[in-house]
Amino acid sequence: MVKEWYICPVCGQKLLIIDKTKFIEGVYAWCKKHKGDIEIKNEPEPNA
């Protein structure tokens, strides 16, 4: 399990910690810094 901070693509604020090995889509988080909603998307790279 690889845990990393998910960074807001708008302002660069650390939002939450996600597992980079999992597929994530359709999850929304509120950014306090720029006061807006962003969608959390993570598509893990296939293990070659």
PDB file of N, CA and C in Angstrom:
ATOM      1  N   MET A   1       0.847  -1.168   0.000  1.00  0.00           N
ATOM      2  CA  MET A   1       0.000   0.000   0.000  1.00  0.00           C
ATOM      3  C   MET A   1       0.898   1.238   0.000  1.00  0.00           C
ATOM      4  N   VAL A   2       0.657   2.126  -0.947  1.00  0.00           N
ATOM      5  CA  VAL A   2       1.445   3.342  -1.079  1.00  0.00           C
ATOM      6  C   VAL A   2       0.540   4.526  -0.772  1.00  0.00           C
ATOM      7  N   LYS A   3       0.783   5.167   0.351  1.00  0.00           N
ATOM      8  CA  LYS A   3      -0.043   6.311   0.741  1.00  0.00           C
ATOM      9  C   LYS A   3       0.674   7.605   0.391  1.00  0.00           C
ATOM     10  N   GLU A   4      -0.062   8.531  -0.236  1.00  0.00           N
ATOM     11  CA  GLU A   4       0.483   9.838  -0.588  1.00  0.00           C
ATOM     12  C   GLU A   4      -0.586  10.898  -0.418  1.00  0.00           C
ATOM     13  N   TRP A   5      -0.152  12.133  -0.259  1.00  0.00           N
ATOM     14  CA  TRP A   5      -1.082  13.251  -0.201  1.00  0.00           C
ATOM     15  C   TRP A   5      -1.685  13.486  -1.580  1.00  0.00           C
ATOM     16  N   TYR A   6      -2.991  13.735  -1.627  1.00  0.00           N
ATOM     17  CA  TYR A   6      -3.633  14.167  -2.866  1.00  0.00           C
ATOM     18  C   TYR A   6      -3.604  15.688  -2.851  1.00  0.00           C
ATOM     19  N   ILE A   7      -2.979  16.266  -3.863  1.00  0.00           N
ATOM     20  CA  ILE A   7      -2.782  17.710  -3.947  1.00  0.00           C
ATOM     21  C   ILE A   7      -3.891  18.329  -4.795  1.00  0.00           C
ATOM     22  N   CYS A   8      -4.441  19.453  -4.342  1.00  0.00           N
ATOM     23  CA  CYS A   8      -5.476  20.167  -5.095  1.00  0.00           C
ATOM     24  C   CYS A   8      -4.880  20.636  -6.423  1.00  0.00           C
ATOM     25  N   PRO A   9      -5.523  20.277  -7.558  1.00  0.00           N
ATOM     26  CA  PRO A   9      -4.990  20.679  -8.855  1.00  0.00           C
ATOM     27  C   PRO A   9      -5.144  22.178  -9.142  1.00  0.00           C
ATOM     28  N   VAL A  10      -5.960  22.875  -8.361  1.00  0.00           N
ATOM     29  CA  VAL A  10      -6.191  24.305  -8.572  1.00  0.00           C
ATOM     30  C   VAL A  10      -5.162  25.158  -7.830  1.00  0.00           C
ATOM     31  N   CYS A  11      -4.966  24.865  -6.527  1.00  0.00           N
ATOM     32  CA  CYS A  11      -4.126  25.747  -5.719  1.00  0.00           C
ATOM     33  C   CYS A  11      -2.900  25.070  -5.103  1.00  0.00           C
ATOM     34  N   GLY A  12      -2.817  23.729  -5.144  1.00  0.00           N
ATOM     35  CA  GLY A  12      -1.647  23.044  -4.611  1.00  0.00           C
ATOM     36  C   GLY A  12      -1.730  22.678  -3.141  1.00  0.00           C
ATOM     37  N   GLN A  13      -2.870  22.864  -2.516  1.00  0.00           N
ATOM     38  CA  GLN A  13      -3.083  22.543  -1.100  1.00  0.00           C
ATOM     39  C   GLN A  13      -3.146  21.022  -0.908  1.00  0.00           C
ATOM     40  N   LYS A  14      -2.538  20.504   0.168  1.00  0.00           N
ATOM     41  CA  LYS A  14      -2.669  19.094   0.514  1.00  0.00           C
ATOM     42  C   LYS A  14      -4.090  18.875   1.018  1.00  0.00           C
ATOM     43  N   LEU A  15      -4.820  17.927   0.416  1.00  0.00           N
ATOM     44  CA  LEU A  15      -6.217  17.713   0.782  1.00  0.00           C
ATOM     45  C   LEU A  15      -6.436  16.496   1.665  1.00  0.00           C
ATOM     46  N   LEU A  16      -5.978  15.339   1.203  1.00  0.00           N
ATOM     47  CA  LEU A  16      -6.193  14.109   1.945  1.00  0.00           C
ATOM     48  C   LEU A  16      -5.179  13.075   1.496  1.00  0.00           C
ATOM     49  N   ILE A  17      -5.063  12.025   2.284  1.00  0.00           N
ATOM     50  CA  ILE A  17      -4.117  10.965   1.964  1.00  0.00           C
ATOM     51  C   ILE A  17      -4.881   9.853   1.251  1.00  0.00           C
ATOM     52  N   ILE A  18      -4.351   9.429   0.082  1.00  0.00           N
ATOM     53  CA  ILE A  18      -4.976   8.356  -0.682  1.00  0.00           C
ATOM     54  C   ILE A  18      -3.970   7.241  -0.918  1.00  0.00           C
ATOM     55  N   ASP A  19      -4.488   6.074  -1.246  1.00  0.00           N
ATOM     56  CA  ASP A  19      -3.665   4.932  -1.624  1.00  0.00           C
ATOM     57  C   ASP A  19      -3.463   5.008  -3.132  1.00  0.00           C
ATOM     58  N   LYS A  20      -2.235   5.248  -3.575  1.00  0.00           N
ATOM     59  CA  LYS A  20      -1.936   5.440  -4.989  1.00  0.00           C
ATOM     60  C   LYS A  20      -2.121   4.174  -5.827  1.00  0.00           C
ATOM     61  N   THR A  21      -2.278   3.003  -5.187  1.00  0.00           N
ATOM     62  CA  THR A  21      -2.442   1.761  -5.933  1.00  0.00           C
ATOM     63  C   THR A  21      -3.904   1.448  -6.241  1.00  0.00           C
ATOM     64  N   LYS A  22      -4.850   2.258  -5.746  1.00  0.00           N
ATOM     65  CA  LYS A  22      -6.280   2.015  -5.940  1.00  0.00           C
ATOM     66  C   LYS A  22      -6.854   2.950  -6.988  1.00  0.00           C
ATOM     67  N   PHE A  23      -7.854   2.463  -7.733  1.00  0.00           N
ATOM     68  CA  PHE A  23      -8.563   3.275  -8.706  1.00  0.00           C
ATOM     69  C   PHE A  23      -9.605   4.101  -7.968  1.00  0.00           C
ATOM     70  N   ILE A  24      -9.575   5.424  -8.151  1.00  0.00           N
ATOM     71  CA  ILE A  24     -10.519   6.328  -7.485  1.00  0.00           C
ATOM     72  C   ILE A  24     -11.122   7.245  -8.537  1.00  0.00           C
ATOM     73  N   GLU A  25     -12.457   7.350  -8.518  1.00  0.00           N
ATOM     74  CA  GLU A  25     -13.155   8.254  -9.422  1.00  0.00           C
ATOM     75  C   GLU A  25     -14.524   8.560  -8.829  1.00  0.00           C
ATOM     76  N   GLY A  26     -14.997   9.777  -9.025  1.00  0.00           N
ATOM     77  CA  GLY A  26     -16.324  10.154  -8.555  1.00  0.00           C
ATOM     78  C   GLY A  26     -16.388  10.531  -7.090  1.00  0.00           C
ATOM     79  N   VAL A  27     -15.249  10.813  -6.480  1.00  0.00           N
ATOM     80  CA  VAL A  27     -15.201  11.241  -5.085  1.00  0.00           C
ATOM     81  C   VAL A  27     -14.854  12.723  -5.077  1.00  0.00           C
ATOM     82  N   TYR A  28     -15.623  13.504  -4.341  1.00  0.00           N
ATOM     83  CA  TYR A  28     -15.420  14.947  -4.307  1.00  0.00           C
ATOM     84  C   TYR A  28     -14.948  15.394  -2.936  1.00  0.00           C
ATOM     85  N   ALA A  29     -14.076  16.398  -2.926  1.00  0.00           N
ATOM     86  CA  ALA A  29     -13.552  16.958  -1.676  1.00  0.00           C
ATOM     87  C   ALA A  29     -13.630  18.477  -1.765  1.00  0.00           C
ATOM     88  N   TRP A  30     -13.757  19.111  -0.615  1.00  0.00           N
ATOM     89  CA  TRP A  30     -13.822  20.560  -0.531  1.00  0.00           C
ATOM     90  C   TRP A  30     -12.438  21.093  -0.170  1.00  0.00           C
ATOM     91  N   CYS A  31     -11.949  22.032  -0.973  1.00  0.00           N
ATOM     92  CA  CYS A  31     -10.663  22.655  -0.689  1.00  0.00           C
ATOM     93  C   CYS A  31     -10.917  23.943   0.089  1.00  0.00           C
ATOM     94  N   LYS A  32     -10.362  24.021   1.285  1.00  0.00           N
ATOM     95  CA  LYS A  32     -10.557  25.205   2.133  1.00  0.00           C
ATOM     96  C   LYS A  32      -9.769  26.411   1.634  1.00  0.00           C
ATOM     97  N   LYS A  33      -8.670  26.155   0.931  1.00  0.00           N
ATOM     98  CA  LYS A  33      -7.814  27.260   0.499  1.00  0.00           C
ATOM     99  C   LYS A  33      -8.462  28.083  -0.618  1.00  0.00           C
ATOM    100  N   HIS A  34      -8.948  27.421  -1.683  1.00  0.00           N
ATOM    101  CA  HIS A  34      -9.574  28.185  -2.765  1.00  0.00           C
ATOM    102  C   HIS A  34     -11.105  28.124  -2.713  1.00  0.00           C
ATOM    103  N   LYS A  35     -11.634  27.452  -1.680  1.00  0.00           N
ATOM    104  CA  LYS A  35     -13.074  27.374  -1.409  1.00  0.00           C
ATOM    105  C   LYS A  35     -13.863  26.838  -2.600  1.00  0.00           C
ATOM    106  N   GLY A  36     -13.477  25.665  -3.045  1.00  0.00           N
ATOM    107  CA  GLY A  36     -14.165  25.029  -4.160  1.00  0.00           C
ATOM    108  C   GLY A  36     -14.119  23.518  -4.078  1.00  0.00           C
ATOM    109  N   ASP A  37     -15.027  22.884  -4.816  1.00  0.00           N
ATOM    110  CA  ASP A  37     -15.100  21.433  -4.914  1.00  0.00           C
ATOM    111  C   ASP A  37     -14.136  20.945  -5.982  1.00  0.00           C
ATOM    112  N   ILE A  38     -13.483  19.826  -5.728  1.00  0.00           N
ATOM    113  CA  ILE A  38     -12.672  19.183  -6.756  1.00  0.00           C
ATOM    114  C   ILE A  38     -12.976  17.689  -6.728  1.00  0.00           C
ATOM    115  N   GLU A  39     -12.855  17.046  -7.881  1.00  0.00           N
ATOM    116  CA  GLU A  39     -13.072  15.607  -7.970  1.00  0.00           C
ATOM    117  C   GLU A  39     -11.739  14.889  -7.797  1.00  0.00           C
ATOM    118  N   ILE A  40     -11.730  13.903  -6.915  1.00  0.00           N
ATOM    119  CA  ILE A  40     -10.544  13.096  -6.680  1.00  0.00           C
ATOM    120  C   ILE A  40     -10.509  12.000  -7.753  1.00  0.00           C
ATOM    121  N   LYS A  41      -9.443  11.976  -8.537  1.00  0.00           N
ATOM    122  CA  LYS A  41      -9.274  10.947  -9.571  1.00  0.00           C
ATOM    123  C   LYS A  41      -7.875  10.359  -9.441  1.00  0.00           C
ATOM    124  N   ASN A  42      -7.813   9.050  -9.395  1.00  0.00           N
ATOM    125  CA  ASN A  42      -6.523   8.363  -9.362  1.00  0.00           C
ATOM    126  C   ASN A  42      -6.619   7.118 -10.211  1.00  0.00           C
ATOM    127  N   GLU A  43      -5.748   7.015 -11.188  1.00  0.00           N
ATOM    128  CA  GLU A  43      -5.679   5.844 -12.046  1.00  0.00           C
ATOM    129  C   GLU A  43      -4.288   5.240 -11.886  1.00  0.00           C
ATOM    130  N   PRO A  44      -4.185   4.119 -11.152  1.00  0.00           N
ATOM    131  CA  PRO A  44      -2.851   3.549 -10.907  1.00  0.00           C
ATOM    132  C   PRO A  44      -2.215   3.021 -12.185  1.00  0.00           C
ATOM    133  N   GLU A  45      -0.906   3.099 -12.225  1.00  0.00           N
ATOM    134  CA  GLU A  45      -0.164   2.573 -13.369  1.00  0.00           C
ATOM    135  C   GLU A  45      -0.125   1.047 -13.269  1.00  0.00           C
ATOM    136  N   PRO A  46      -0.297   0.363 -14.401  1.00  0.00           N
ATOM    137  CA  PRO A  46      -0.240  -1.109 -14.363  1.00  0.00           C
ATOM    138  C   PRO A  46       1.157  -1.599 -14.000  1.00  0.00           C
ATOM    139  N   ASN A  47       1.219  -2.650 -13.247  1.00  0.00           N
ATOM    140  CA  ASN A  47       2.519  -3.246 -12.861  1.00  0.00           C
ATOM    141  C   ASN A  47       3.064  -4.026 -14.042  1.00  0.00           C
ATOM    142  N   ALA A  48       4.191  -3.559 -14.554  1.00  0.00           N
ATOM    143  CA  ALA A  48       4.763  -4.198 -15.755  1.00  0.00           C
ATOM    144  C   ALA A  48       5.665  -5.341 -15.408  1.00  0.00           C
TER     145      ALA A  48
END
